Amino acid sequence: MKTKVRKIGNSLGIIISQKILDQVAVKEEVNLFIKDSKIIIEAVKENPRENWEELLLKAGSLKDNVFLEDFENDFDKSEWTW
């Protein structure tokens, strides 16, 4: 799709059709970044931490949280009040 760059106040902008915005689930905010000399416009996720647990498990950063259950020290046994 070809579109014109327009003057908007002291800035420049483009008009993006609602049909395109709907296809990528853009609501109120987008992220803009540059990659390989291209401007990338990305929809902001409503829950930015969505799927973190699954991704960390895949990466091996989150094993089974079992290690926390067996972790004890002298402070926990004698000085800490639960």
Protein backbone atom coordinates (compact mmCIF):
# COMPACT_ATOMS: atom_id res chain seq x y z
CA MET A 1 0.00 0.00 0.00
CA LYS A 2 1.41 3.36 -0.97
CA THR A 3 0.51 6.44 1.08
CA LYS A 4 1.65 10.05 1.36
CA VAL A 5 3.58 11.58 4.23
CA ARG A 6 1.57 14.54 5.56
CA LYS A 7 2.36 17.51 7.76
CA ILE A 8 0.69 17.20 11.17
CA GLY A 9 1.55 20.22 13.32
CA ASN A 10 5.34 20.35 13.58
CA SER A 11 5.63 16.66 12.68
CA LEU A 12 5.03 14.39 9.72
CA GLY A 13 2.62 11.49 9.71
CA ILE A 14 0.85 8.90 7.61
CA ILE A 15 -2.72 7.67 7.54
CA ILE A 16 -3.13 3.91 8.09
CA SER A 17 -6.44 2.40 7.05
CA GLN A 18 -8.67 0.81 9.69
CA LYS A 19 -8.62 -2.44 7.70
CA ILE A 20 -4.84 -2.73 8.13
CA LEU A 21 -4.98 -1.76 11.82
CA ASP A 22 -7.64 -4.42 12.45
CA GLN A 23 -5.50 -7.11 10.81
CA VAL A 24 -2.68 -6.53 13.31
CA ALA A 25 -4.96 -5.82 16.30
CA VAL A 26 -3.86 -2.20 16.85
CA LYS A 27 -5.99 -0.53 19.51
CA GLU A 28 -4.65 2.71 21.01
CA GLU A 29 -0.86 2.33 21.09
CA VAL A 30 1.90 1.01 18.86
CA ASN A 31 5.63 0.43 19.21
CA LEU A 32 7.83 2.00 16.55
CA PHE A 33 11.35 0.84 15.82
CA ILE A 34 13.87 0.76 13.00
CA LYS A 35 15.19 -2.50 11.56
CA ASP A 36 17.32 -2.76 8.43
CA SER A 37 16.47 0.83 7.43
CA LYS A 38 12.73 0.11 7.75
CA ILE A 39 10.21 1.64 10.14
CA ILE A 40 8.38 -1.17 11.93
CA ILE A 41 5.00 -0.43 13.53
CA GLU A 42 3.96 -3.11 16.01
CA ALA A 43 0.75 -3.42 18.01
CA VAL A 44 1.24 -3.08 21.77
CA LYS A 45 0.20 -6.25 23.57
CA GLU A 46 -2.48 -5.78 26.20
CA ASN A 47 -0.64 -8.13 28.57
CA PRO A 48 3.08 -7.65 27.94
CA ARG A 49 3.97 -10.60 30.21
CA GLU A 50 1.73 -13.00 28.31
CA ASN A 51 3.41 -16.38 27.72
CA TRP A 52 6.51 -15.46 29.81
CA GLU A 53 6.35 -18.67 31.81
CA GLU A 54 6.15 -20.79 28.67
CA LEU A 55 9.01 -18.89 27.01
CA LEU A 56 11.23 -19.13 30.09
CA LEU A 57 10.57 -22.86 30.35
CA LYS A 58 11.55 -23.27 26.70
CA ALA A 59 14.73 -21.28 27.29
CA GLY A 60 15.58 -23.40 30.32
CA SER A 61 15.56 -20.40 32.67
CA LEU A 62 12.65 -21.78 34.67
CA LYS A 63 13.06 -25.39 35.56
CA ASP A 64 10.57 -26.93 37.97
CA ASN A 65 10.48 -24.51 40.90
CA VAL A 66 11.36 -27.49 43.14
CA PHE A 67 14.75 -26.03 44.11
CA LEU A 68 12.99 -23.37 46.20
CA GLU A 69 11.31 -25.97 48.40
CA ASP A 70 14.61 -27.57 49.49
CA PHE A 71 16.48 -24.33 50.02
CA GLU A 72 17.16 -23.80 53.72
CA ASN A 73 19.74 -21.96 55.77
CA ASP A 74 20.50 -21.39 59.46
CA PHE A 75 18.78 -18.01 59.50
CA ASP A 76 15.50 -19.57 58.32
CA LYS A 77 15.69 -22.29 60.94
CA SER A 78 16.64 -20.26 64.01
CA GLU A 79 16.12 -16.51 63.58
CA TRP A 80 13.26 -15.99 61.15
CA THR A 81 9.70 -15.88 62.47
CA TRP A 82 7.17 -17.22 60.01
